Amino acid sequence: MLSERDRDVMARAERLYEARFKNQLEKTNLNAFVVIVPDSEDYFLGDSISEAATAARAAHPGCPGHIIRVGHPTAVHIRGSFERDRG
């Protein structure tokens, strides 16, 4: 369950993405991962979640950020099916 602080960081980061970063990033960095740090309004790109998060932590240690995958509705897609064992 997300805390109120987590929900606030997520909402602010998503607003920044939509208002300031989305158009450019989707033209130049489609499928990359971006960490947005709302308190600084900075963003950090990477080919992986780890790469983007490491850059964000290095620049803003202790500041919360939110991960978005450029051009996707979620950062991570999980595929598969779940079926009860009929054993």
N, C-alpha and C. Protein backbone atom coordinates (compact mmCIF):
# COMPACT_ATOMS: atom_id res chain seq x y z
N MET A 1 0.84 -1.18 0.00
CA MET A 1 0.00 0.00 0.00
C MET A 1 0.89 1.24 0.00
N LEU A 2 0.53 2.20 -0.83
CA LEU A 2 1.31 3.43 -0.92
C LEU A 2 0.94 4.39 0.20
N SER A 3 1.96 5.06 0.72
CA SER A 3 1.70 6.09 1.73
C SER A 3 1.20 7.35 1.05
N GLU A 4 0.69 8.26 1.83
CA GLU A 4 0.23 9.55 1.29
C GLU A 4 1.39 10.28 0.61
N ARG A 5 2.58 10.21 1.21
CA ARG A 5 3.77 10.84 0.62
C ARG A 5 4.11 10.21 -0.74
N ASP A 6 4.06 8.89 -0.80
CA ASP A 6 4.34 8.20 -2.07
C ASP A 6 3.34 8.61 -3.15
N ARG A 7 2.06 8.67 -2.79
CA ARG A 7 1.04 9.08 -3.76
C ARG A 7 1.27 10.51 -4.23
N ASP A 8 1.69 11.38 -3.31
CA ASP A 8 1.96 12.77 -3.67
C ASP A 8 3.15 12.87 -4.63
N VAL A 9 4.23 12.16 -4.35
CA VAL A 9 5.41 12.16 -5.22
C VAL A 9 5.03 11.64 -6.60
N MET A 10 4.29 10.56 -6.64
CA MET A 10 3.87 9.97 -7.90
C MET A 10 3.01 10.94 -8.71
N ALA A 11 2.05 11.56 -8.07
CA ALA A 11 1.15 12.49 -8.76
C ALA A 11 1.91 13.71 -9.30
N ARG A 12 2.80 14.25 -8.49
CA ARG A 12 3.57 15.42 -8.93
C ARG A 12 4.51 15.06 -10.08
N ALA A 13 5.14 13.90 -10.00
CA ALA A 13 6.04 13.45 -11.07
C ALA A 13 5.27 13.22 -12.37
N GLU A 14 4.12 12.60 -12.28
CA GLU A 14 3.32 12.35 -13.48
C GLU A 14 2.82 13.65 -14.10
N ARG A 15 2.47 14.64 -13.27
CA ARG A 15 2.07 15.95 -13.81
C ARG A 15 3.24 16.62 -14.53
N LEU A 16 4.44 16.54 -13.93
CA LEU A 16 5.62 17.11 -14.59
C LEU A 16 5.89 16.41 -15.91
N TYR A 17 5.79 15.10 -15.92
CA TYR A 17 6.03 14.34 -17.16
C TYR A 17 5.07 14.82 -18.24
N GLU A 18 3.80 14.87 -17.93
CA GLU A 18 2.79 15.27 -18.92
C GLU A 18 3.01 16.71 -19.40
N ALA A 19 3.30 17.61 -18.49
CA ALA A 19 3.39 19.03 -18.82
C ALA A 19 4.71 19.45 -19.45
N ARG A 20 5.81 18.84 -19.02
CA ARG A 20 7.12 19.36 -19.44
C ARG A 20 7.99 18.40 -20.23
N PHE A 21 7.88 17.11 -19.99
CA PHE A 21 8.86 16.18 -20.53
C PHE A 21 8.34 15.23 -21.61
N LYS A 22 7.07 14.90 -21.56
CA LYS A 22 6.50 13.84 -22.40
C LYS A 22 6.77 14.05 -23.89
N ASN A 23 6.41 15.20 -24.43
CA ASN A 23 6.53 15.40 -25.87
C ASN A 23 7.96 15.18 -26.37
N GLN A 24 8.92 15.77 -25.70
CA GLN A 24 10.31 15.63 -26.14
C GLN A 24 10.83 14.21 -25.91
N LEU A 25 10.60 13.66 -24.72
CA LEU A 25 11.13 12.33 -24.41
C LEU A 25 10.55 11.25 -25.32
N GLU A 26 9.27 11.36 -25.66
CA GLU A 26 8.67 10.34 -26.52
C GLU A 26 9.19 10.44 -27.96
N LYS A 27 9.73 11.57 -28.35
CA LYS A 27 10.35 11.71 -29.67
C LYS A 27 11.77 11.17 -29.69
N THR A 28 12.48 11.33 -28.57
CA THR A 28 13.92 11.04 -28.57
C THR A 28 14.34 9.84 -27.73
N ASN A 29 13.51 9.40 -26.79
CA ASN A 29 13.92 8.34 -25.86
C ASN A 29 12.82 7.32 -25.61
N LEU A 30 12.05 7.01 -26.63
CA LEU A 30 10.96 6.05 -26.50
C LEU A 30 11.48 4.73 -25.92
N ASN A 31 10.78 4.18 -24.96
CA ASN A 31 11.07 2.92 -24.26
C ASN A 31 12.14 3.04 -23.18
N ALA A 32 12.76 4.19 -23.02
CA ALA A 32 13.73 4.37 -21.94
C ALA A 32 12.97 4.51 -20.62
N PHE A 33 13.70 4.41 -19.53
CA PHE A 33 13.13 4.65 -18.20
C PHE A 33 13.55 6.04 -17.76
N VAL A 34 12.63 6.75 -17.13
CA VAL A 34 12.93 8.08 -16.62
C VAL A 34 12.50 8.13 -15.16
N VAL A 35 13.39 8.64 -14.32
CA VAL A 35 13.05 8.91 -12.93
C VAL A 35 12.88 10.42 -12.82
N ILE A 36 11.72 10.83 -12.35
CA ILE A 36 11.45 12.25 -12.14
C ILE A 36 11.47 12.51 -10.64
N VAL A 37 12.26 13.51 -10.24
CA VAL A 37 12.36 13.93 -8.85
C VAL A 37 11.57 15.23 -8.74
N PRO A 38 10.33 15.16 -8.25
CA PRO A 38 9.47 16.34 -8.27
C PRO A 38 9.99 17.52 -7.46
N ASP A 39 10.68 17.26 -6.36
CA ASP A 39 11.17 18.37 -5.53
C ASP A 39 12.15 19.26 -6.29
N SER A 40 12.92 18.69 -7.20
CA SER A 40 13.90 19.46 -7.97
C SER A 40 13.43 19.73 -9.40
N GLU A 41 12.40 19.00 -9.83
CA GLU A 41 11.90 19.03 -11.20
C GLU A 41 12.95 18.56 -12.21
N ASP A 42 13.89 17.73 -11.75
CA ASP A 42 14.90 17.12 -12.60
C ASP A 42 14.42 15.74 -13.05
N TYR A 43 14.96 15.28 -14.16
CA TYR A 43 14.69 13.91 -14.58
C TYR A 43 15.99 13.24 -15.00
N PHE A 44 15.98 11.91 -14.92
CA PHE A 44 17.17 11.10 -15.20
C PHE A 44 16.77 9.92 -16.05
N LEU A 45 17.43 9.75 -17.18
CA LEU A 45 17.12 8.68 -18.12
C LEU A 45 18.06 7.51 -17.98
N GLY A 46 17.56 6.32 -18.34
CA GLY A 46 18.41 5.14 -18.38
C GLY A 46 17.78 4.09 -19.27
N ASP A 47 18.60 3.16 -19.72
CA ASP A 47 18.09 2.03 -20.50
C ASP A 47 17.45 1.00 -19.59
N SER A 48 17.68 1.11 -18.29
CA SER A 48 17.07 0.22 -17.30
C SER A 48 16.57 1.06 -16.13
N ILE A 49 15.71 0.48 -15.32
CA ILE A 49 15.24 1.15 -14.11
C ILE A 49 16.44 1.46 -13.21
N SER A 50 17.32 0.49 -13.07
CA SER A 50 18.48 0.64 -12.21
C SER A 50 19.36 1.81 -12.65
N GLU A 51 19.61 1.91 -13.94
CA GLU A 51 20.46 2.97 -14.46
C GLU A 51 19.85 4.36 -14.18
N ALA A 52 18.56 4.52 -14.43
CA ALA A 52 17.90 5.80 -14.19
C ALA A 52 17.85 6.12 -12.70
N ALA A 53 17.54 5.12 -11.87
CA ALA A 53 17.45 5.33 -10.42
C ALA A 53 18.82 5.65 -9.82
N THR A 54 19.87 5.00 -10.30
CA THR A 54 21.21 5.27 -9.80
C THR A 54 21.61 6.72 -10.09
N ALA A 55 21.30 7.20 -11.28
CA ALA A 55 21.61 8.59 -11.63
C ALA A 55 20.82 9.57 -10.76
N ALA A 56 19.56 9.27 -10.52
CA ALA A 56 18.73 10.15 -9.69
C ALA A 56 19.24 10.19 -8.25
N ARG A 57 19.58 9.01 -7.70
CA ARG A 57 20.09 8.95 -6.32
C ARG A 57 21.42 9.66 -6.18
N ALA A 58 22.26 9.58 -7.20
CA ALA A 58 23.56 10.25 -7.15
C ALA A 58 23.40 11.77 -7.12
N ALA A 59 22.46 12.26 -7.89
CA ALA A 59 22.24 13.70 -7.97
C ALA A 59 21.43 14.25 -6.79
N HIS A 60 20.51 13.44 -6.28
CA HIS A 60 19.60 13.89 -5.22
C HIS A 60 19.45 12.79 -4.16
N PRO A 61 20.52 12.53 -3.40
CA PRO A 61 20.42 11.46 -2.39
C PRO A 61 19.30 11.75 -1.39
N GLY A 62 18.51 10.74 -1.13
CA GLY A 62 17.45 10.88 -0.14
C GLY A 62 16.17 11.52 -0.64
N CYS A 63 16.17 12.04 -1.86
CA CYS A 63 14.95 12.65 -2.42
C CYS A 63 14.14 11.60 -3.15
N PRO A 64 12.85 11.57 -2.92
CA PRO A 64 12.03 10.56 -3.61
C PRO A 64 11.81 10.93 -5.06
N GLY A 65 11.71 9.89 -5.88
CA GLY A 65 11.43 10.06 -7.30
C GLY A 65 10.42 9.03 -7.74
N HIS A 66 9.99 9.17 -8.97
CA HIS A 66 9.00 8.26 -9.54
C HIS A 66 9.49 7.78 -10.90
N ILE A 67 9.36 6.49 -11.17
CA ILE A 67 9.85 5.89 -12.41
C ILE A 67 8.71 5.77 -13.41
N ILE A 68 8.99 6.20 -14.63
CA ILE A 68 8.04 6.10 -15.73
C ILE A 68 8.80 5.48 -16.91
N ARG A 69 8.15 4.65 -17.67
CA ARG A 69 8.75 4.16 -18.91
C ARG A 69 8.21 5.03 -20.04
N VAL A 70 9.10 5.65 -20.75
CA VAL A 70 8.73 6.62 -21.77
C VAL A 70 7.89 5.95 -22.85
N GLY A 71 6.68 6.49 -23.05
CA GLY A 71 5.78 5.98 -24.07
C GLY A 71 4.92 4.81 -23.64
N HIS A 72 4.93 4.48 -22.36
CA HIS A 72 4.15 3.34 -21.85
C HIS A 72 3.28 3.78 -20.68
N PRO A 73 2.15 3.09 -20.48
CA PRO A 73 1.28 3.46 -19.36
C PRO A 73 1.83 3.04 -17.99
N THR A 74 2.73 2.07 -17.97
CA THR A 74 3.36 1.62 -16.72
C THR A 74 4.85 1.41 -16.95
N ALA A 75 5.62 1.42 -15.87
CA ALA A 75 7.06 1.23 -15.98
C ALA A 75 7.41 -0.22 -16.32
N VAL A 76 6.61 -1.16 -15.81
CA VAL A 76 6.90 -2.59 -16.00
C VAL A 76 5.62 -3.29 -16.45
N HIS A 77 5.76 -4.14 -17.45
CA HIS A 77 4.65 -4.96 -17.93
C HIS A 77 4.93 -6.40 -17.52
N ILE A 78 3.94 -7.04 -16.92
CA ILE A 78 4.08 -8.45 -16.55
C ILE A 78 3.08 -9.23 -17.39
N ARG A 79 3.58 -10.20 -18.11
CA ARG A 79 2.71 -11.01 -18.95
C ARG A 79 2.70 -12.45 -18.44
N GLY A 80 1.61 -13.10 -18.70
CA GLY A 80 1.49 -14.49 -18.30
C GLY A 80 0.05 -14.80 -17.93
N SER A 81 -0.16 -16.03 -17.62
CA SER A 81 -1.50 -16.41 -17.18
C SER A 81 -1.40 -17.15 -15.87
N PHE A 82 -2.44 -17.02 -15.13
CA PHE A 82 -2.51 -17.68 -13.82
C PHE A 82 -3.71 -18.60 -13.84
N GLU A 83 -3.44 -19.86 -13.63
CA GLU A 83 -4.52 -20.82 -13.65
C GLU A 83 -4.40 -21.73 -12.44
N ARG A 84 -5.49 -22.03 -11.86
CA ARG A 84 -5.50 -22.89 -10.69
C ARG A 84 -5.08 -24.30 -11.07
N ASP A 85 -4.25 -24.89 -10.26
CA ASP A 85 -3.83 -26.28 -10.50
C ASP A 85 -5.04 -27.20 -10.34
N ARG A 86 -5.35 -27.91 -11.37
CA ARG A 86 -6.52 -28.78 -11.33
C ARG A 86 -6.13 -30.21 -10.93
N GLY A 87 -4.89 -30.38 -10.56
CA GLY A 87 -4.23 -31.55 -10.17
C GLY A 87 -4.85 -32.73 -9.73
